Amino acid sequence: MHQDYESNNGPTRVVSTKLLKKLLRAPDNEFCFMIQFEDSAKADRQKAQDWDALKGHPAEQLLLKYKNVVFRAHLLAVPPTRETDIKAEIELVDDASVARKQFRLSEDMKTAIREWTREMLEASIICRSKSPYSAPTFCVNKAVGWRIVHDFRGINAKIRLPATPVPRKEDIFDAMRNGKMFSSMNLLWGFFQVSLREQDIPYTAFSTPDGLFALLVTPMGLSCSPAAFNRLIQNVFADQKSFCQAYFDDLFVFTPSDDVDGHLAALEKVLERCKNEQLYVKLSKCTFCARDTMPRRLYRRRRHSHGSRQGSCDQTVATSPNEA
């Protein structure tokens, strides 16, 4: 309870999400409320994990070799034509267009969407559109700021999904069971690194405060995107599975001994492959040369066949040079 403000109806109160939902459903109930988001430890960790934090790290010299080549803060432009050239395809069950009404947005959300739109236009990741399709756009508050999201549920209901196998987390753990040293890397803006067939671009149209735009890359939130992305990643690293496993946009490098030089040699092969295929990595979500632990990013809990959950692999992962 806050004591610094009191109206005729009583003092200001801090309420739970559950109670707030109940109050919103109540008839003839008018009140004002403010939601305040606080930075989490995750945000602090991601902001701190930069090049300065890698000083003195065993992998520092190797990683600097790929600075601004593989490790980037932003994508350059639409994905290039790669040696492993796989494009996402959108196949619909019929030709009837789907145009959903835009949600109401706060001024902060409008500002965030406008900034994101400008950034994506400059990177040639989106373009202006006159498509008969339209998905609403909204924002989700994450630890490090707003995340722009498109509600593709309308067109997702019409997409014919490819029967592409999805990697199982358990199989990835089995493949790495003899590993003693691990590195994990997260691909920057994952799906955006996969090109989209030109004739499918109109299907990705989305509304913003400044009009209609469409994506030139594989959209996040589209039901067929994970399969296309997985096809690319599995093909790119197909011959490196003895020391590199991929789970969508996460790459896991592992070696069977705690020899740092041997692990760095394996890590260099993966980074060189990323360089050749022009795949980019987000440094703030990487871990290098962690000993005697599985990557925490893969998962924390395993759902058993009877539906219960049990903690799994809840071990500390090196997130800084001092922990490695």
Protein backbone atom coordinates (compact mmCIF):
# COMPACT_ATOMS: atom_id res chain seq x y z
CA MET A 1 0.00 0.00 0.00
CA HIS A 2 1.34 3.44 -0.93
CA GLN A 3 0.68 6.13 1.71
CA ASP A 4 1.78 9.08 -0.46
CA TYR A 5 -1.56 9.39 -2.25
CA GLU A 6 -5.14 8.94 -1.13
CA SER A 7 -8.30 9.73 -3.07
CA ASN A 8 -11.89 9.98 -1.88
CA ASN A 9 -12.22 6.28 -2.60
CA GLY A 10 -9.33 5.23 -0.39
CA PRO A 11 -5.54 4.80 -0.57
CA THR A 12 -3.57 3.61 -3.58
CA ARG A 13 -3.01 -0.13 -3.48
CA VAL A 14 -0.61 -2.56 -5.08
CA VAL A 15 -2.61 -5.51 -6.39
CA SER A 16 -1.72 -8.84 -7.94
CA THR A 17 -2.35 -9.68 -11.59
CA LYS A 18 -5.06 -12.14 -10.52
CA LEU A 19 -6.91 -9.50 -8.50
CA LEU A 20 -6.52 -6.92 -11.28
CA LYS A 21 -8.19 -9.27 -13.78
CA LYS A 22 -11.03 -9.81 -11.30
CA LEU A 23 -11.49 -6.06 -10.85
CA LEU A 24 -11.56 -5.51 -14.61
CA ARG A 25 -14.43 -7.98 -14.94
CA ALA A 26 -16.48 -6.34 -12.20
CA PRO A 27 -19.50 -4.25 -13.41
CA ASP A 28 -19.61 -0.48 -12.85
CA ASN A 29 -16.08 -0.42 -11.53
CA GLU A 30 -13.99 2.58 -12.56
CA PHE A 31 -10.44 3.08 -11.42
CA CYS A 32 -7.00 4.11 -12.65
CA PHE A 33 -3.92 1.92 -12.44
CA MET A 34 -0.27 2.08 -13.46
CA ILE A 35 1.95 -0.86 -14.37
CA GLN A 36 5.64 -0.36 -13.67
CA PHE A 37 8.22 -2.68 -15.20
CA GLU A 38 11.55 -3.17 -13.44
CA ASP A 39 14.80 -4.32 -15.00
CA SER A 40 15.60 -7.88 -14.05
CA ALA A 41 18.91 -9.60 -13.38
CA LYS A 42 18.67 -10.95 -16.93
CA ALA A 43 18.72 -7.43 -18.34
CA ASP A 44 21.74 -6.49 -16.23
CA ARG A 45 23.55 -9.64 -17.31
CA GLN A 46 22.89 -9.04 -21.00
CA LYS A 47 23.97 -5.40 -20.81
CA ALA A 48 27.21 -6.39 -19.03
CA GLN A 49 28.14 -9.17 -21.44
CA ASP A 50 30.11 -7.10 -23.94
CA TRP A 51 33.63 -7.05 -25.32
CA ASP A 52 35.06 -5.39 -22.22
CA ALA A 53 33.69 -8.24 -20.12
CA LEU A 54 35.71 -10.73 -22.21
CA LYS A 55 39.09 -9.22 -21.34
CA GLY A 56 41.34 -11.97 -20.01
CA HIS A 57 38.93 -14.69 -21.13
CA PRO A 58 40.63 -17.75 -22.71
CA ALA A 59 38.56 -17.23 -25.88
CA GLU A 60 39.18 -13.47 -26.15
CA GLN A 61 41.68 -13.50 -29.04
CA LEU A 62 39.66 -15.98 -31.07
CA LEU A 63 36.42 -14.04 -30.60
CA LEU A 64 38.03 -10.71 -31.50
CA LYS A 65 38.98 -12.27 -34.84
CA TYR A 66 35.25 -12.46 -35.65
CA LYS A 67 34.20 -9.11 -34.16
CA ASN A 68 31.88 -7.26 -36.58
CA VAL A 69 32.12 -10.27 -38.89
CA VAL A 70 30.14 -12.91 -36.99
CA PHE A 71 29.42 -11.07 -33.75
CA ARG A 72 27.19 -8.13 -34.64
CA ALA A 73 24.65 -5.89 -32.91
CA HIS A 74 22.50 -5.52 -36.05
CA LEU A 75 21.89 -7.42 -39.26
CA LEU A 76 23.41 -5.93 -42.40
CA ALA A 77 20.41 -6.37 -44.71
CA VAL A 78 18.23 -9.04 -46.30
CA PRO A 79 19.96 -12.43 -45.97
CA PRO A 80 22.46 -13.04 -48.79
CA THR A 81 22.47 -15.90 -51.28
CA ARG A 82 24.34 -18.56 -49.35
CA GLU A 83 26.09 -21.74 -50.38
CA THR A 84 23.37 -23.42 -48.34
CA ASP A 85 20.55 -21.46 -49.98
CA ILE A 86 17.29 -22.30 -48.23
CA LYS A 87 14.30 -19.97 -48.36
CA ALA A 88 11.12 -20.02 -46.33
CA GLU A 89 7.96 -20.87 -48.24
CA ILE A 90 4.37 -20.02 -47.29
CA GLU A 91 1.71 -22.33 -48.71
CA LEU A 92 -1.95 -21.52 -47.99
CA VAL A 93 -4.96 -23.81 -48.12
CA ASP A 94 -6.95 -21.17 -50.07
CA ASP A 95 -6.58 -17.71 -51.64
CA ALA A 96 -8.97 -15.80 -49.35
CA SER A 97 -7.09 -12.86 -47.81
CA VAL A 98 -6.97 -12.22 -44.06
CA ALA A 99 -6.91 -8.63 -42.78
CA ARG A 100 -7.28 -8.18 -39.03
CA LYS A 101 -7.94 -4.86 -37.32
CA GLN A 102 -5.03 -3.16 -35.57
CA PHE A 103 -5.08 -3.21 -31.76
CA ARG A 104 -5.20 0.00 -29.76
CA LEU A 105 -1.67 1.03 -28.74
CA SER A 106 -0.26 3.31 -26.05
CA GLU A 107 1.92 6.24 -27.09
CA ASP A 108 5.01 4.42 -25.81
CA MET A 109 4.15 1.41 -27.94
CA LYS A 110 3.57 3.60 -31.01
CA THR A 111 6.96 5.21 -30.50
CA ALA A 112 8.66 1.82 -30.12
CA ILE A 113 6.96 0.46 -33.26
CA ARG A 114 7.92 3.56 -35.27
CA GLU A 115 11.56 3.26 -34.20
CA TRP A 116 11.58 -0.46 -35.01
CA THR A 117 9.95 0.18 -38.40
CA ARG A 118 12.56 2.80 -39.29
CA GLU A 119 15.38 0.47 -38.26
CA MET A 120 13.97 -2.43 -40.28
CA LEU A 121 13.45 -0.22 -43.35
CA GLU A 122 17.06 0.96 -43.19
CA ALA A 123 18.21 -2.67 -42.98
CA SER A 124 15.97 -3.64 -45.95
CA ILE A 125 14.27 -6.25 -43.79
CA ILE A 126 10.79 -4.81 -44.41
CA CYS A 127 9.18 -2.79 -47.20
CA ARG A 128 6.00 -0.77 -47.66
CA SER A 129 3.10 -2.89 -48.84
CA LYS A 130 -0.30 -2.76 -50.55
CA SER A 131 -1.11 -6.37 -49.68
CA PRO A 132 -4.73 -7.43 -48.98
CA TYR A 133 -3.32 -9.30 -45.97
CA SER A 134 -2.71 -7.54 -42.67
CA ALA A 135 -1.70 -8.68 -39.19
CA PRO A 136 -1.93 -6.37 -36.16
CA THR A 137 1.27 -5.28 -34.42
CA PHE A 138 1.79 -4.85 -30.69
CA CYS A 139 4.59 -4.70 -28.10
CA VAL A 140 5.70 -7.06 -25.35
CA ASN A 141 7.80 -5.66 -22.51
CA LYS A 142 11.00 -7.67 -22.08
CA ALA A 143 13.87 -7.29 -19.64
CA VAL A 144 15.89 -5.19 -22.10
CA GLY A 145 13.04 -3.17 -23.65
CA TRP A 146 10.04 -3.50 -25.95
CA ARG A 147 9.79 -6.48 -28.30
CA ILE A 148 7.75 -5.86 -31.44
CA VAL A 149 5.31 -8.70 -32.18
CA HIS A 150 2.91 -9.37 -35.06
CA ASP A 151 -0.28 -11.34 -34.44
CA PHE A 152 -0.23 -13.79 -37.36
CA ARG A 153 -2.97 -16.04 -35.95
CA GLY A 154 -5.29 -15.18 -38.83
CA ILE A 155 -2.97 -16.37 -41.58
CA ASN A 156 -1.49 -19.16 -39.43
CA ALA A 157 -4.89 -20.86 -39.54
CA LYS A 158 -4.58 -21.05 -43.35
CA ILE A 159 -0.95 -22.21 -43.66
CA ARG A 160 -0.21 -25.73 -44.84
CA LEU A 161 2.63 -26.77 -42.55
CA PRO A 162 5.60 -28.75 -43.91
CA ALA A 163 6.34 -32.04 -42.16
CA THR A 164 9.84 -30.97 -41.15
CA PRO A 165 11.29 -32.82 -38.13
CA VAL A 166 11.90 -30.57 -35.14
CA PRO A 167 15.01 -31.29 -33.03
CA ARG A 168 14.33 -32.91 -29.67
CA LYS A 169 16.04 -31.43 -26.66
CA GLU A 170 16.63 -34.88 -25.20
CA ASP A 171 18.47 -35.96 -28.35
CA ILE A 172 20.71 -32.91 -28.16
CA PHE A 173 21.57 -33.69 -24.55
CA ASP A 174 22.34 -37.28 -25.52
CA ALA A 175 24.67 -36.09 -28.29
CA MET A 176 26.55 -33.88 -25.79
CA ARG A 177 26.59 -36.36 -22.90
CA ASN A 178 30.36 -36.93 -23.11
CA GLY A 179 31.19 -33.23 -23.31
CA LYS A 180 33.33 -31.64 -20.61
CA MET A 181 33.61 -28.12 -21.99
CA PHE A 182 30.80 -26.14 -23.60
CA SER A 183 30.13 -22.91 -25.44
CA SER A 184 26.70 -21.65 -26.44
CA MET A 185 25.86 -18.96 -29.00
CA ASN A 186 22.59 -17.31 -29.94
CA LEU A 187 21.98 -16.26 -33.55
CA LEU A 188 21.04 -12.60 -33.89
CA TRP A 189 17.35 -12.06 -34.75
CA GLY A 190 17.13 -15.77 -35.59
CA PHE A 191 14.42 -16.12 -38.23
CA PHE A 192 15.34 -12.80 -39.86
CA GLN A 193 18.51 -14.46 -41.17
CA VAL A 194 16.46 -16.67 -43.51
CA SER A 195 15.22 -15.30 -46.85
CA LEU A 196 11.57 -15.53 -47.90
CA ARG A 197 10.32 -16.46 -51.36
CA GLU A 198 9.44 -13.29 -53.25
CA GLN A 199 5.90 -14.43 -54.10
CA ASP A 200 5.20 -15.05 -50.39
CA ILE A 201 6.14 -11.56 -49.17
CA PRO A 202 2.54 -10.15 -49.34
CA TYR A 203 1.40 -12.81 -46.83
CA THR A 204 3.63 -11.23 -44.16
CA ALA A 205 2.01 -7.77 -44.29
CA PHE A 206 1.43 -6.10 -40.92
CA SER A 207 -0.12 -2.83 -39.79
CA THR A 208 1.68 -0.07 -37.90
CA PRO A 209 0.82 3.50 -36.85
CA ASP A 210 2.51 4.60 -40.10
CA GLY A 211 0.77 2.24 -42.51
CA LEU A 212 1.16 -1.25 -43.96
CA PHE A 213 4.51 -3.00 -44.29
CA ALA A 214 5.66 -6.51 -45.22
CA LEU A 215 8.65 -8.61 -44.22
CA LEU A 216 11.29 -9.64 -46.75
CA VAL A 217 12.62 -12.32 -44.39
CA THR A 218 11.16 -15.21 -42.42
CA PRO A 219 8.74 -13.69 -39.87
CA MET A 220 8.76 -14.53 -36.18
CA GLY A 221 5.29 -15.74 -35.19
CA LEU A 222 4.46 -17.41 -38.49
CA SER A 223 3.71 -21.11 -38.00
CA CYS A 224 5.92 -22.25 -40.90
CA SER A 225 8.97 -20.18 -39.85
CA PRO A 226 10.54 -22.63 -37.36
CA ALA A 227 10.65 -25.40 -39.97
CA ALA A 228 12.36 -23.17 -42.55
CA PHE A 229 14.88 -21.89 -40.02
CA ASN A 230 15.61 -25.39 -38.76
CA ARG A 231 16.20 -26.64 -42.32
CA LEU A 232 18.82 -23.94 -42.87
CA ILE A 233 20.66 -24.45 -39.57
CA GLN A 234 20.68 -28.24 -39.76
CA ASN A 235 22.06 -28.11 -43.31
CA VAL A 236 24.73 -25.52 -42.52
CA PHE A 237 26.15 -27.50 -39.58
CA ALA A 238 25.38 -31.02 -40.84
CA ASP A 239 29.06 -32.08 -40.97
CA GLN A 240 29.91 -30.61 -37.54
CA LYS A 241 27.46 -32.54 -35.37
CA SER A 242 30.27 -34.37 -33.56
CA PHE A 243 31.13 -31.09 -31.79
CA CYS A 244 28.23 -28.70 -32.59
CA GLN A 245 24.52 -29.18 -31.94
CA ALA A 246 21.83 -26.69 -32.94
CA TYR A 247 18.43 -26.06 -31.37
CA PHE A 248 16.76 -23.48 -33.60
CA ASP A 249 18.71 -20.23 -33.02
CA ASP A 250 20.99 -21.66 -30.32
CA LEU A 251 24.33 -23.27 -31.22
CA PHE A 252 26.10 -25.51 -28.69
CA VAL A 253 29.79 -26.34 -29.12
CA PHE A 254 31.11 -29.18 -26.95
CA THR A 255 34.37 -31.12 -26.61
CA PRO A 256 35.07 -34.37 -24.70
CA SER A 257 37.97 -32.99 -22.63
CA ASP A 258 38.62 -29.92 -20.51
CA ASP A 259 41.49 -28.86 -22.79
CA VAL A 260 40.86 -25.20 -23.64
CA ASP A 261 42.92 -25.23 -26.84
CA GLY A 262 40.99 -28.21 -28.18
CA HIS A 263 37.69 -26.52 -27.39
CA LEU A 264 38.78 -23.26 -29.02
CA ALA A 265 39.74 -25.20 -32.16
CA ALA A 266 36.20 -26.63 -32.36
CA LEU A 267 34.70 -23.21 -31.62
CA GLU A 268 36.77 -21.66 -34.42
CA LYS A 269 35.41 -24.18 -36.93
CA VAL A 270 31.85 -23.21 -36.00
CA LEU A 271 32.62 -19.48 -36.15
CA GLU A 272 34.32 -19.91 -39.53
CA ARG A 273 31.23 -21.71 -40.82
CA CYS A 274 29.07 -18.83 -39.56
CA LYS A 275 31.38 -16.39 -41.34
CA ASN A 276 31.22 -18.28 -44.64
CA GLU A 277 27.43 -18.64 -44.49
CA GLN A 278 26.97 -15.07 -43.21
CA LEU A 279 25.19 -16.11 -40.04
CA TYR A 280 25.44 -13.53 -37.26
CA VAL A 281 25.65 -14.07 -33.49
CA LYS A 282 24.51 -11.94 -30.56
CA LEU A 283 27.42 -11.69 -28.11
CA SER A 284 25.30 -10.78 -25.07
CA LYS A 285 23.60 -14.19 -25.19
CA CYS A 286 26.79 -16.25 -25.51
CA THR A 287 28.73 -18.41 -23.06
CA PHE A 288 32.25 -19.63 -23.79
CA CYS A 289 34.48 -22.36 -22.35
CA ALA A 290 32.16 -23.45 -19.53
CA ARG A 291 33.37 -26.61 -17.76
CA ASP A 292 31.41 -29.59 -16.50
CA THR A 293 27.94 -28.28 -17.25
CA MET A 294 25.27 -28.53 -19.91
CA PRO A 295 24.00 -25.28 -21.47
CA ARG A 296 21.22 -23.81 -19.34
CA ARG A 297 19.71 -22.11 -22.39
CA LEU A 298 18.53 -25.46 -23.74
CA TYR A 299 15.93 -26.03 -21.04
CA ARG A 300 15.36 -26.11 -17.30
CA ARG A 301 12.41 -28.43 -17.01
CA ARG A 302 11.34 -31.59 -18.73
CA ARG A 303 7.70 -32.49 -19.19
CA HIS A 304 7.10 -36.18 -18.59
CA SER A 305 4.47 -38.28 -20.33
CA HIS A 306 2.10 -38.00 -17.36
CA GLY A 307 2.19 -34.20 -17.55
CA SER A 308 4.21 -33.36 -14.44
CA ARG A 309 7.37 -31.30 -14.54
CA GLN A 310 10.68 -32.05 -12.96
CA GLY A 311 13.76 -29.85 -12.73
CA SER A 312 16.59 -30.88 -15.01
CA CYS A 313 20.16 -29.69 -15.59
CA ASP A 314 19.88 -26.84 -13.11
CA GLN A 315 23.62 -26.24 -12.98
CA THR A 316 25.56 -23.02 -13.13
CA VAL A 317 26.77 -21.92 -16.54
CA ALA A 318 29.68 -19.53 -16.96
CA THR A 319 28.33 -16.16 -18.03
CA SER A 320 31.53 -14.20 -17.50
CA PRO A 321 35.29 -14.79 -17.84
CA ASN A 322 35.67 -15.22 -14.08
CA GLU A 323 33.19 -18.10 -14.05
CA ALA A 324 34.63 -19.91 -17.06
